C-alpha atoms as a PDB file:
ATOM      1  CA  MET A   1      -6.950 -14.827  24.769  1.00  0.00           C
ATOM      2  CA  GLU A   2      -7.135 -11.031  25.015  1.00  0.00           C
ATOM      3  CA  THR A   3     -10.370  -9.413  23.884  1.00  0.00           C
ATOM      4  CA  ILE A   4     -10.141  -7.848  20.440  1.00  0.00           C
ATOM      5  CA  ASN A   5     -12.441  -4.890  19.839  1.00  0.00           C
ATOM      6  CA  THR A   6     -13.856  -5.433  16.374  1.00  0.00           C
ATOM      7  CA  LEU A   7     -16.576  -3.561  14.517  1.00  0.00           C
ATOM      8  CA  LYS A   8     -19.342  -5.366  12.645  1.00  0.00           C
ATOM      9  CA  ILE A   9     -21.206  -3.850   9.705  1.00  0.00           C
ATOM     10  CA  GLY A  10     -23.683  -6.399   8.372  1.00  0.00           C
ATOM     11  CA  SER A  11     -21.686  -9.394   7.150  1.00  0.00           C
ATOM     12  CA  ILE A  12     -18.408  -7.497   7.516  1.00  0.00           C
ATOM     13  CA  GLU A  13     -16.144  -7.464  10.570  1.00  0.00           C
ATOM     14  CA  VAL A  14     -13.337  -4.917  10.869  1.00  0.00           C
ATOM     15  CA  ILE A  15     -10.484  -6.419  12.912  1.00  0.00           C
ATOM     16  CA  PRO A  16      -7.876  -3.834  13.985  1.00  0.00           C
ATOM     17  CA  GLY A  17      -4.196  -4.585  13.764  1.00  0.00           C
ATOM     18  CA  GLU A  18      -1.719  -4.422  16.625  1.00  0.00           C
ATOM     19  CA  ASN A  19      -0.159  -1.092  17.607  1.00  0.00           C
ATOM     20  CA  GLY A  20      -3.109   0.837  16.226  1.00  0.00           C
ATOM     21  CA  SER A  21      -2.699  -0.828  12.817  1.00  0.00           C
ATOM     22  CA  ARG A  22       0.522   1.082  12.274  1.00  0.00           C
ATOM     23  CA  VAL A  23       3.106  -0.425   9.933  1.00  0.00           C
ATOM     24  CA  PRO A  24       4.195  -3.247  10.001  1.00  0.00           C
ATOM     25  CA  PHE A  25       0.599  -4.109  10.958  1.00  0.00           C
ATOM     26  CA  SER A  26      -2.654  -3.367   9.173  1.00  0.00           C
ATOM     27  CA  THR A  27      -6.354  -3.873   9.798  1.00  0.00           C
ATOM     28  CA  THR A  28      -7.883  -7.080   8.441  1.00  0.00           C
ATOM     29  CA  VAL A  29     -11.475  -7.174   7.194  1.00  0.00           C
ATOM     30  CA  ALA A  30     -13.476 -10.396   7.399  1.00  0.00           C
ATOM     31  CA  VAL A  31     -16.559 -11.133   5.296  1.00  0.00           C
ATOM     32  CA  ILE A  32     -18.618 -13.815   7.046  1.00  0.00           C
ATOM     33  CA  ASP A  33     -21.490 -16.012   5.870  1.00  0.00           C
ATOM     34  CA  ASP A  34     -24.182 -17.601   8.028  1.00  0.00           C
ATOM     35  CA  GLN A  35     -22.104 -20.784   8.407  1.00  0.00           C
ATOM     36  CA  LYS A  36     -19.172 -18.807   9.876  1.00  0.00           C
ATOM     37  CA  ARG A  37     -17.119 -19.282   6.760  1.00  0.00           C
ATOM     38  CA  ALA A  38     -15.013 -16.215   6.025  1.00  0.00           C
ATOM     39  CA  THR A  39     -13.139 -14.362   3.332  1.00  0.00           C
ATOM     40  CA  LEU A  40     -10.382 -12.045   4.536  1.00  0.00           C
ATOM     41  CA  ILE A  41      -9.397  -8.784   2.941  1.00  0.00           C
ATOM     42  CA  ASP A  42      -5.625  -8.693   3.550  1.00  0.00           C
ATOM     43  CA  ALA A  43      -3.762 -10.431   6.370  1.00  0.00           C
ATOM     44  CA  GLY A  44      -1.619  -8.079   8.402  1.00  0.00           C
ATOM     45  CA  ALA A  45      -3.423  -7.551  11.701  1.00  0.00           C
ATOM     46  CA  GLY A  46      -1.103  -9.575  13.927  1.00  0.00           C
ATOM     47  CA  LYS A  47      -0.910 -12.914  15.696  1.00  0.00           C
ATOM     48  CA  ARG A  48      -3.620 -12.177  18.283  1.00  0.00           C
ATOM     49  CA  ALA A  49      -6.004 -11.178  15.534  1.00  0.00           C
ATOM     50  CA  PHE A  50      -5.119 -14.255  13.479  1.00  0.00           C
ATOM     51  CA  GLN A  51      -5.800 -16.476  16.499  1.00  0.00           C
ATOM     52  CA  TYR A  52      -9.153 -14.766  17.011  1.00  0.00           C
ATOM     53  CA  ILE A  53     -10.095 -15.223  13.364  1.00  0.00           C
ATOM     54  CA  ASN A  54      -9.112 -18.908  13.329  1.00  0.00           C
ATOM     55  CA  GLU A  55     -11.073 -19.564  16.521  1.00  0.00           C
ATOM     56  CA  GLN A  56     -14.203 -17.820  15.260  1.00  0.00           C
ATOM     57  CA  TYR A  57     -14.311 -18.665  11.570  1.00  0.00           C
ATOM     58  CA  GLU A  58     -13.332 -21.088   8.838  1.00  0.00           C
ATOM     59  CA  VAL A  59     -11.235 -18.947   6.502  1.00  0.00           C
ATOM     60  CA  GLU A  60     -11.792 -20.084   2.928  1.00  0.00           C
ATOM     61  CA  ASP A  61     -10.254 -17.230   0.942  1.00  0.00           C
ATOM     62  CA  ILE A  62      -7.876 -14.282   1.353  1.00  0.00           C
ATOM     63  CA  LEU A  63      -8.208 -11.428  -1.125  1.00  0.00           C
ATOM     64  CA  LEU A  64      -5.167  -9.161  -1.244  1.00  0.00           C
ATOM     65  CA  THR A  65      -5.624  -5.487  -2.066  1.00  0.00           C
ATOM     66  CA  HIS A  66      -1.943  -5.265  -3.038  1.00  0.00           C
ATOM     67  CA  PHE A  67       1.397  -6.982  -2.471  1.00  0.00           C
ATOM     68  CA  HIS A  68       2.908  -4.937   0.386  1.00  0.00           C
ATOM     69  CA  ILE A  69       4.260  -7.004   3.287  1.00  0.00           C
ATOM     70  CA  ASP A  70       2.235  -5.185   5.972  1.00  0.00           C
ATOM     71  CA  HIS A  71      -0.898  -6.487   4.230  1.00  0.00           C
ATOM     72  CA  THR A  72       0.312  -9.984   3.371  1.00  0.00           C
ATOM     73  CA  TRP A  73       2.672 -11.306   6.053  1.00  0.00           C
ATOM     74  CA  GLY A  74      -0.088 -13.189   7.899  1.00  0.00           C
ATOM     75  CA  ILE A  75      -0.957 -15.487   4.996  1.00  0.00           C
ATOM     76  CA  PRO A  76       0.969 -18.473   6.471  1.00  0.00           C
ATOM     77  CA  TYR A  77      -1.364 -18.381   9.525  1.00  0.00           C
ATOM     78  CA  PHE A  78      -4.240 -19.490   7.278  1.00  0.00           C
ATOM     79  CA  LYS A  79      -2.845 -22.633   5.704  1.00  0.00           C
ATOM     80  CA  ASP A  80      -6.068 -23.880   4.094  1.00  0.00           C
ATOM     81  CA  ALA A  81      -7.215 -20.577   2.611  1.00  0.00           C
ATOM     82  CA  ASN A  82      -7.115 -19.826  -1.100  1.00  0.00           C
ATOM     83  CA  VAL A  83      -5.013 -16.724  -1.756  1.00  0.00           C
ATOM     84  CA  LYS A  84      -6.475 -14.488  -4.456  1.00  0.00           C
ATOM     85  CA  VAL A  85      -4.723 -11.540  -6.094  1.00  0.00           C
ATOM     86  CA  ASN A  86      -5.270  -9.213  -9.035  1.00  0.00           C
ATOM     87  CA  TRP A  87      -3.513  -9.875 -12.338  1.00  0.00           C
ATOM     88  CA  LEU A  88      -0.852  -7.230 -11.710  1.00  0.00           C
ATOM     89  CA  ASP A  89       0.186  -8.697  -8.370  1.00  0.00           C
ATOM     90  CA  HIS A  90       0.095 -12.147  -9.908  1.00  0.00           C
ATOM     91  CA  LYS A  91       2.960 -10.956 -12.110  1.00  0.00           C
ATOM     92  CA  LYS A  92       4.834  -9.342  -9.212  1.00  0.00           C
ATOM     93  CA  MET A  93       4.527 -12.047  -6.577  1.00  0.00           C
ATOM     94  CA  VAL A  94       6.544 -14.635  -8.477  1.00  0.00           C
ATOM     95  CA  SER A  95       9.982 -13.966  -6.980  1.00  0.00           C
ATOM     96  CA  ILE A  96      11.849 -11.844  -4.462  1.00  0.00           C
ATOM     97  CA  GLU A  97      13.749 -10.232  -7.330  1.00  0.00           C
ATOM     98  CA  GLU A  98      10.547  -9.116  -9.044  1.00  0.00           C
ATOM     99  CA  LEU A  99       9.219  -7.621  -5.817  1.00  0.00           C
ATOM    100  CA  MET A 100      12.522  -5.797  -5.330  1.00  0.00           C
ATOM    101  CA  LYS A 101      12.140  -4.225  -8.775  1.00  0.00           C
ATOM    102  CA  THR A 102       8.553  -3.259  -8.071  1.00  0.00           C
ATOM    103  CA  GLY A 103       9.355  -1.854  -4.644  1.00  0.00           C
ATOM    104  CA  GLY A 104      12.234   0.265  -5.898  1.00  0.00           C
ATOM    105  CA  ASN A 105      14.997  -1.620  -4.081  1.00  0.00           C
ATOM    106  CA  TYR A 106      16.537  -2.704  -7.369  1.00  0.00           C
ATOM    107  CA  ALA A 107      16.724   0.901  -8.553  1.00  0.00           C
ATOM    108  CA  ILE A 108      18.371   2.011  -5.311  1.00  0.00           C
ATOM    109  CA  TYR A 109      20.897  -0.768  -4.743  1.00  0.00           C
ATOM    110  CA  GLY A 110      21.367  -2.385  -8.148  1.00  0.00           C
ATOM    111  CA  ALA A 111      21.726  -6.105  -8.873  1.00  0.00           C
ATOM    112  CA  SER A 112      24.668  -6.704  -6.517  1.00  0.00           C
ATOM    113  CA  GLY A 113      22.973  -4.934  -3.612  1.00  0.00           C
ATOM    114  CA  ILE A 114      19.802  -6.946  -4.101  1.00  0.00           C
ATOM    115  CA  GLU A 115      21.707 -10.217  -3.804  1.00  0.00           C
ATOM    116  CA  ALA A 116      22.711  -9.297  -0.244  1.00  0.00           C
ATOM    117  CA  MET A 117      19.244  -8.007   0.658  1.00  0.00           C
ATOM    118  CA  ILE A 118      17.556 -11.246  -0.371  1.00  0.00           C
ATOM    119  CA  GLU A 119      19.303 -13.055   2.480  1.00  0.00           C
ATOM    120  CA  THR A 120      18.033 -10.694   5.216  1.00  0.00           C
ATOM    121  CA  PRO A 121      15.196 -11.851   7.544  1.00  0.00           C
ATOM    122  CA  ASP A 122      12.894  -8.999   6.515  1.00  0.00           C
ATOM    123  CA  VAL A 123      13.054  -9.999   2.881  1.00  0.00           C
ATOM    124  CA  LYS A 124      12.903 -13.728   3.552  1.00  0.00           C
ATOM    125  CA  ARG A 125       9.444 -13.206   5.106  1.00  0.00           C
ATOM    126  CA  PHE A 126       8.175 -12.890   1.551  1.00  0.00           C
ATOM    127  CA  GLU A 127       9.295 -16.385   0.560  1.00  0.00           C
ATOM    128  CA  LYS A 128       6.346 -18.248   2.108  1.00  0.00           C
ATOM    129  CA  ILE A 129       3.982 -15.776   0.465  1.00  0.00           C
ATOM    130  CA  ILE A 130       5.630 -16.113  -2.934  1.00  0.00           C
ATOM    131  CA  ASP A 131       5.575 -19.919  -2.703  1.00  0.00           C
ATOM    132  CA  ARG A 132       1.841 -20.022  -1.926  1.00  0.00           C
ATOM    133  CA  GLN A 133      -0.431 -20.862  -4.861  1.00  0.00           C
ATOM    134  CA  LYS A 134      -2.424 -17.837  -5.989  1.00  0.00           C
ATOM    135  CA  TYR A 135      -5.627 -17.372  -7.930  1.00  0.00           C
ATOM    136  CA  VAL A 136      -6.612 -14.255  -9.851  1.00  0.00           C
ATOM    137  CA  TYR A 137      -9.684 -12.149  -9.128  1.00  0.00           C
ATOM    138  CA  PRO A 138     -10.939  -9.549 -11.644  1.00  0.00           C
ATOM    139  CA  TYR A 139     -10.745  -5.798 -11.263  1.00  0.00           C
ATOM    140  CA  ASP A 140     -13.924  -3.717 -11.488  1.00  0.00           C
ATOM    141  CA  GLU A 141     -16.366  -6.625 -11.689  1.00  0.00           C
ATOM    142  CA  THR A 142     -18.906  -7.713  -9.079  1.00  0.00           C
ATOM    143  CA  PHE A 143     -18.573 -11.240  -7.666  1.00  0.00           C
ATOM    144  CA  ASN A 144     -19.474 -13.046  -4.437  1.00  0.00           C
ATOM    145  CA  VAL A 145     -17.251 -13.714  -1.426  1.00  0.00           C
ATOM    146  CA  SER A 146     -18.714 -15.649   1.496  1.00  0.00           C
ATOM    147  CA  GLY A 147     -22.227 -14.824   0.280  1.00  0.00           C
ATOM    148  CA  THR A 148     -21.624 -11.065  -0.072  1.00  0.00           C
ATOM    149  CA  ARG A 149     -21.165  -9.094  -3.277  1.00  0.00           C
ATOM    150  CA  VAL A 150     -17.854  -7.285  -3.753  1.00  0.00           C
ATOM    151  CA  GLU A 151     -16.171  -5.230  -6.464  1.00  0.00           C
ATOM    152  CA  MET A 152     -12.388  -4.849  -6.354  1.00  0.00           C
ATOM    153  CA  ILE A 153     -12.074  -1.312  -7.691  1.00  0.00           C
ATOM    154  CA  HIS A 154      -8.709  -0.675  -9.327  1.00  0.00           C
ATOM    155  CA  THR A 155      -7.253   2.435  -7.673  1.00  0.00           C
ATOM    156  CA  PRO A 156      -3.595   2.668  -8.708  1.00  0.00           C
ATOM    157  CA  GLY A 157      -1.158   5.226  -7.329  1.00  0.00           C
ATOM    158  CA  HIS A 158      -0.056   3.910  -3.946  1.00  0.00           C
ATOM    159  CA  CYS A 159       1.213   1.101  -6.143  1.00  0.00           C
ATOM    160  CA  GLU A 160      -0.001   0.163  -9.600  1.00  0.00           C
ATOM    161  CA  SER A 161      -1.942  -2.908  -8.421  1.00  0.00           C
ATOM    162  CA  PHE A 162      -3.724  -1.295  -5.454  1.00  0.00           C
ATOM    163  CA  CYS A 163      -7.476  -1.763  -5.232  1.00  0.00           C
ATOM    164  CA  CYS A 164     -10.368  -0.860  -2.934  1.00  0.00           C
ATOM    165  CA  PRO A 165     -12.930  -3.597  -2.160  1.00  0.00           C
ATOM    166  CA  TYR A 166     -16.469  -2.189  -2.369  1.00  0.00           C
ATOM    167  CA  PHE A 167     -19.411  -4.016  -0.808  1.00  0.00           C
ATOM    168  CA  PRO A 168     -22.531  -2.392  -2.337  1.00  0.00           C
ATOM    169  CA  ASP A 169     -25.066  -4.290  -0.245  1.00  0.00           C
ATOM    170  CA  GLU A 170     -23.369  -3.252   2.998  1.00  0.00           C
ATOM    171  CA  GLY A 171     -22.526   0.310   1.929  1.00  0.00           C
ATOM    172  CA  VAL A 172     -18.859  -0.320   2.743  1.00  0.00           C
ATOM    173  CA  ILE A 173     -15.680   0.479   0.832  1.00  0.00           C
ATOM    174  CA  VAL A 174     -12.259  -0.568   2.102  1.00  0.00           C
ATOM    175  CA  VAL A 175     -10.050   2.381   1.130  1.00  0.00           C
ATOM    176  CA  GLY A 176      -6.966   0.714   2.600  1.00  0.00           C
ATOM    177  CA  ASP A 177      -3.900   2.937   2.399  1.00  0.00           C
ATOM    178  CA  TYR A 178      -5.924   6.087   1.883  1.00  0.00           C
ATOM    179  CA  ASP A 179      -5.516   6.113   5.649  1.00  0.00           C
ATOM    180  CA  LEU A 180      -5.977   9.863   6.317  1.00  0.00           C
ATOM    181  CA  THR A 181      -2.902  10.028   8.568  1.00  0.00           C
ATOM    182  CA  SER A 182      -0.868  13.167   9.191  1.00  0.00           C
ATOM    183  CA  PHE A 183       2.034  11.561   7.299  1.00  0.00           C
ATOM    184  CA  GLY A 184       0.056  11.884   4.090  1.00  0.00           C
ATOM    185  CA  PRO A 185      -0.209   9.711   0.978  1.00  0.00           C
ATOM    186  CA  TRP A 186       2.533   7.145   0.380  1.00  0.00           C
ATOM    187  CA  TYR A 187       3.720   6.613  -3.215  1.00  0.00           C
ATOM    188  CA  ASN A 188       7.312   5.543  -2.669  1.00  0.00           C
ATOM    189  CA  ASN A 189       7.603   2.388  -4.769  1.00  0.00           C
ATOM    190  CA  ALA A 190       8.964   2.135  -8.296  1.00  0.00           C
ATOM    191  CA  ASP A 191       5.437   1.318  -9.510  1.00  0.00           C
ATOM    192  CA  SER A 192       3.802   4.222  -7.636  1.00  0.00           C
ATOM    193  CA  ASN A 193       2.348   7.205  -9.476  1.00  0.00           C
ATOM    194  CA  ILE A 194       1.293  10.542  -7.982  1.00  0.00           C
ATOM    195  CA  ASP A 195      -1.197  11.542 -10.687  1.00  0.00           C
ATOM    196  CA  GLU A 196      -2.886   8.146 -10.515  1.00  0.00           C
ATOM    197  CA  MET A 197      -3.125   8.418  -6.732  1.00  0.00           C
ATOM    198  CA  LEU A 198      -4.898  11.762  -7.088  1.00  0.00           C
ATOM    199  CA  GLU A 199      -7.321  10.289  -9.629  1.00  0.00           C
ATOM    200  CA  SER A 200      -7.935   7.183  -7.526  1.00  0.00           C
ATOM    201  CA  ALA A 201      -8.803   9.278  -4.465  1.00  0.00           C
ATOM    202  CA  GLU A 202     -11.741  10.637  -6.449  1.00  0.00           C
ATOM    203  CA  LYS A 203     -12.749   7.097  -7.421  1.00  0.00           C
ATOM    204  CA  THR A 204     -13.135   6.177  -3.740  1.00  0.00           C
ATOM    205  CA  LEU A 205     -15.850   8.842  -3.479  1.00  0.00           C
ATOM    206  CA  ALA A 206     -17.704   7.726  -6.609  1.00  0.00           C
ATOM    207  CA  VAL A 207     -19.384   4.735  -4.927  1.00  0.00           C
ATOM    208  CA  ASN A 208     -22.579   4.678  -2.864  1.00  0.00           C
ATOM    209  CA  ALA A 209     -20.913   3.894   0.463  1.00  0.00           C
ATOM    210  CA  GLU A 210     -21.499   5.229   3.964  1.00  0.00           C
ATOM    211  CA  HIS A 211     -18.658   3.389   5.718  1.00  0.00           C
ATOM    212  CA  PHE A 212     -15.045   3.999   4.621  1.00  0.00           C
ATOM    213  CA  VAL A 213     -12.578   1.532   6.129  1.00  0.00           C
ATOM    214  CA  THR A 214      -8.891   2.463   6.221  1.00  0.00           C
ATOM    215  CA  LEU A 215      -6.407  -0.309   6.964  1.00  0.00           C
ATOM    216  CA  HIS A 216      -4.086   1.772   9.122  1.00  0.00           C
ATOM    217  CA  HIS A 217      -4.675   3.880  12.247  1.00  0.00           C
ATOM    218  CA  LYS A 218      -8.292   4.962  12.945  1.00  0.00           C
ATOM    219  CA  GLY A 219     -10.102   2.416  10.811  1.00  0.00           C
ATOM    220  CA  VAL A 220     -13.677   3.430   9.982  1.00  0.00           C
ATOM    221  CA  PHE A 221     -15.002   6.809   8.846  1.00  0.00           C
ATOM    222  CA  THR A 222     -18.464   8.012   7.908  1.00  0.00           C
ATOM    223  CA  ARG A 223     -18.803   9.323   4.384  1.00  0.00           C
ATOM    224  CA  LYS A 224     -18.941  12.919   5.621  1.00  0.00           C
ATOM    225  CA  ASP A 225     -15.791  12.601   7.748  1.00  0.00           C
ATOM    226  CA  TYR A 226     -13.897  10.710   5.069  1.00  0.00           C
ATOM    227  CA  GLU A 227     -14.741  13.221   2.364  1.00  0.00           C
ATOM    228  CA  GLU A 228     -13.715  16.177   4.533  1.00  0.00           C
ATOM    229  CA  GLN A 229     -10.461  14.625   5.718  1.00  0.00           C
ATOM    230  CA  LEU A 230      -9.518  13.161   2.334  1.00  0.00           C
ATOM    231  CA  GLU A 231      -9.130  16.652   0.865  1.00  0.00           C
ATOM    232  CA  ASP A 232      -6.642  17.683   3.556  1.00  0.00           C
ATOM    233  CA  TYR A 233      -4.842  14.360   3.256  1.00  0.00           C
ATOM    234  CA  MET A 234      -4.381  14.600  -0.513  1.00  0.00           C
ATOM    235  CA  ASN A 235      -3.340  18.257  -0.269  1.00  0.00           C
ATOM    236  CA  ILE A 236      -0.181  17.057   1.486  1.00  0.00           C
ATOM    237  CA  ILE A 237       1.008  16.011  -1.996  1.00  0.00           C
ATOM    238  CA  PHE A 238       0.900  19.624  -3.172  1.00  0.00           C
ATOM    239  CA  LYS A 239       2.580  20.855   0.012  1.00  0.00           C
ATOM    240  CA  ARG A 240       5.442  18.423  -0.632  1.00  0.00           C
ATOM    241  CA  GLU A 241       5.647  19.563  -4.233  1.00  0.00           C
ATOM    242  CA  LYS A 242       5.772  23.234  -3.223  1.00  0.00           C
ATOM    243  CA  LYS A 243       8.494  22.522  -0.656  1.00  0.00           C
ATOM    244  CA  LEU A 244      10.558  20.552  -3.179  1.00  0.00           C
ATOM    245  CA  LYS A 245      10.357  23.351  -5.739  1.00  0.00           C
ATOM    246  CA  GLN A 246      11.519  25.855  -3.137  1.00  0.00           C
ATOM    247  CA  LEU A 247      14.421  23.648  -2.052  1.00  0.00           C
ATOM    248  CA  ILE A 248      15.616  23.298  -5.632  1.00  0.00           C
ATOM    249  CA  ASP A 249      15.198  27.023  -6.281  1.00  0.00           C
ATOM    250  CA  ASP A 250      17.227  27.696  -3.107  1.00  0.00           C
ATOM    251  CA  GLY A 251      20.094  25.637  -4.500  1.00  0.00           C
ATOM    252  CA  VAL A 252      19.896  22.444  -2.425  1.00  0.00           C
ATOM    253  CA  PRO A 253      22.062  19.923  -4.333  1.00  0.00           C
ATOM    254  CA  THR A 254      20.754  16.566  -5.572  1.00  0.00           C
ATOM    255  CA  THR A 255      23.096  14.793  -3.157  1.00  0.00           C
ATOM    256  CA  ASN A 256      21.422  16.380  -0.123  1.00  0.00           C
ATOM    257  CA  ILE A 257      17.781  16.712  -1.160  1.00  0.00           C
ATOM    258  CA  HIS A 258      16.779  13.434   0.501  1.00  0.00           C
ATOM    259  CA  TYR A 259      17.651  14.862   3.931  1.00  0.00           C
ATOM    260  CA  GLN A 260      15.191  17.770   3.644  1.00  0.00           C
ATOM    261  CA  GLU A 261      12.277  15.870   5.267  1.00  0.00           C
ATOM    262  CA  LEU A 262       9.932  15.790   2.312  1.00  0.00           C
ATOM    263  CA  PHE A 263       8.521  12.500   3.616  1.00  0.00           C
ATOM    264  CA  TYR A 264      10.469  11.201   6.619  1.00  0.00           C
ATOM    265  CA  ARG A 265      12.098  13.173   9.401  1.00  0.00           C
ATOM    266  CA  ARG A 266      15.885  13.196   9.496  1.00  0.00           C
ATOM    267  CA  LYS A 267      15.910  11.360  12.838  1.00  0.00           C
ATOM    268  CA  ASN A 268      13.804   8.558  11.323  1.00  0.00           C
ATOM    269  CA  LEU A 269      16.246   8.201   8.438  1.00  0.00           C
ATOM    270  CA  ASP A 270      19.145   8.051  10.894  1.00  0.00           C
ATOM    271  CA  GLN A 271      17.370   5.400  12.990  1.00  0.00           C
ATOM    272  CA  ALA A 272      16.223   3.327  10.008  1.00  0.00           C
ATOM    273  CA  PRO A 273      18.536   3.907   7.013  1.00  0.00           C
ATOM    274  CA  SER A 274      16.394   1.625   4.858  1.00  0.00           C
ATOM    275  CA  LEU A 275      13.856   4.468   4.734  1.00  0.00           C
ATOM    276  CA  ILE A 276      16.318   6.560   2.741  1.00  0.00           C
ATOM    277  CA  GLY A 277      15.530   4.456  -0.318  1.00  0.00           C
ATOM    278  CA  PHE A 278      11.811   5.153   0.007  1.00  0.00           C
ATOM    279  CA  GLU A 279      12.572   8.850   0.518  1.00  0.00           C
ATOM    280  CA  LYS A 280      14.592   8.901  -2.704  1.00  0.00           C
ATOM    281  CA  ILE A 281      11.928   7.057  -4.692  1.00  0.00           C
ATOM    282  CA  GLY A 282       9.266   9.497  -3.446  1.00  0.00           C
ATOM    283  CA  ILE A 283      11.440  12.453  -4.448  1.00  0.00           C
ATOM    284  CA  ALA A 284      11.970  10.893  -7.875  1.00  0.00           C
ATOM    285  CA  LYS A 285       8.200  10.586  -8.303  1.00  0.00           C
ATOM    286  CA  HIS A 286       7.776  14.272  -7.488  1.00  0.00           C
ATOM    287  CA  LEU A 287      10.648  15.323  -9.722  1.00  0.00           C
ATOM    288  CA  GLU A 288       9.197  13.344 -12.619  1.00  0.00           C
ATOM    289  CA  ARG A 289       5.895  15.160 -12.133  1.00  0.00           C
ATOM    290  CA  LEU A 290       7.638  18.542 -11.761  1.00  0.00           C
ATOM    291  CA  GLN A 291       9.710  18.187 -14.916  1.00  0.00           C
ATOM    292  CA  ASN A 292       6.545  17.304 -16.834  1.00  0.00           C
ATOM    293  CA  LEU A 293       4.803  20.411 -15.487  1.00  0.00           C
ATOM    294  CA  TYR A 294       7.829  22.719 -15.566  1.00  0.00           C
ATOM    295  CA  PRO A 295      10.629  21.728 -17.994  1.00  0.00           C
ATOM    296  CA  ILE A 296      13.070  23.897 -16.021  1.00  0.00           C
ATOM    297  CA  TYR A 297      13.343  21.026 -13.497  1.00  0.00           C
ATOM    298  CA  LYS A 298      14.228  18.368 -16.072  1.00  0.00           C
ATOM    299  CA  GLU A 299      18.002  18.724 -15.652  1.00  0.00           C
ATOM    300  CA  TYR A 300      17.733  18.456 -11.840  1.00  0.00           C
ATOM    301  CA  TYR A 301      15.525  15.389 -12.156  1.00  0.00           C
ATOM    302  CA  GLU A 302      17.893  13.618 -14.540  1.00  0.00           C
ATOM    303  CA  GLN A 303      20.916  14.450 -12.382  1.00  0.00           C
ATOM    304  CA  PHE A 304      19.198  13.204  -9.217  1.00  0.00           C
ATOM    305  CA  VAL A 305      18.207   9.890 -10.804  1.00  0.00           C
ATOM    306  CA  GLN A 306      21.651   9.263 -12.253  1.00  0.00           C
ATOM    307  CA  GLU A 307      23.539  10.167  -9.055  1.00  0.00           C
ATOM    308  CA  GLU A 308      21.326   8.612  -6.387  1.00  0.00           C
ATOM    309  CA  PHE A 309      20.341   5.263  -7.941  1.00  0.00           C
ATOM    310  CA  LYS A 310      22.521   2.291  -8.820  1.00  0.00           C
ATOM    311  CA  ALA A 311      20.015   1.161 -11.480  1.00  0.00           C
ATOM    312  CA  PRO A 312      18.209   4.365 -12.563  1.00  0.00           C
ATOM    313  CA  GLU A 313      16.362   2.589 -15.358  1.00  0.00           C
ATOM    314  CA  PHE A 314      14.252   0.880 -12.651  1.00  0.00           C
ATOM    315  CA  VAL A 315      13.147   4.051 -10.809  1.00  0.00           C
ATOM    316  CA  HIS A 316       9.826   3.771 -12.643  1.00  0.00           C
ATOM    317  CA  TYR A 317       8.759   0.144 -13.104  1.00  0.00           C
ATOM    318  CA  SER A 318       5.393  -1.080 -14.318  1.00  0.00           C
ATOM    319  CA  HIS A 319       3.633  -4.193 -15.613  1.00  0.00           C
ATOM    320  CA  ARG A 320       1.126  -2.190 -17.627  1.00  0.00           C
END
């Protein structure tokens, strides 16, 4: 098979995903003991990576940082592994319908629209993952995986269940979707929260780590580089907020605000209309924050939610 360029840090191996770990792929992290038994952090790297892992190691466990398909779709390639999730994802990963509510699809399309979506190939990929037995790992407690200590630090925002695995003995933290890309932070699910994402970014810096592993694009940063680039990355949130305020003040109507490229470019929305839903959810998250900070935006927020969502009561959806 093709050579895969991995990076080893002590007992940890960082295995890049296909296409530079861009969605729908993600980097997979393997924790390996001296008997070549392994625990995986997420499973989205791609078939070549899965083949490499299965040839090199006996995969005993898969720990999921969160439920998103780009981090979970490879689970069926490890048939004998125990799948372990946090208690929030244990509640979400029980049915396609529940995932649709969590992801925001239910808010966008309503019950009737979801019925049609469930039959599409993209959604059906979740079925094998949902059907797999799952065990629950604790947040914010230290335990052993493949002979190495780990703490699954709860860092909500990207989604409410998101966590960052921290390996204190190796000086490694897997920061996952704090990926430092030019796109900026992604908080476009019904269970996402901008303020929590800002708080969680600070939590990633509160540990004694030297290696910061993102699960998309570049992969591994030194502490110095991560800290410097994280500030610019998180500032994209405030740039979006400033742009949204200006658009509203300039009179852009609620029916056209999702075409103003707050997150995705117009050409991307035209090429992949499914992204429009994520654009709308992201705008709703910003408008919720804006109306809390500046009551003058409350009417615009309420109008946007009522006009642009089939089930507006599910725009914000949480298990906490």
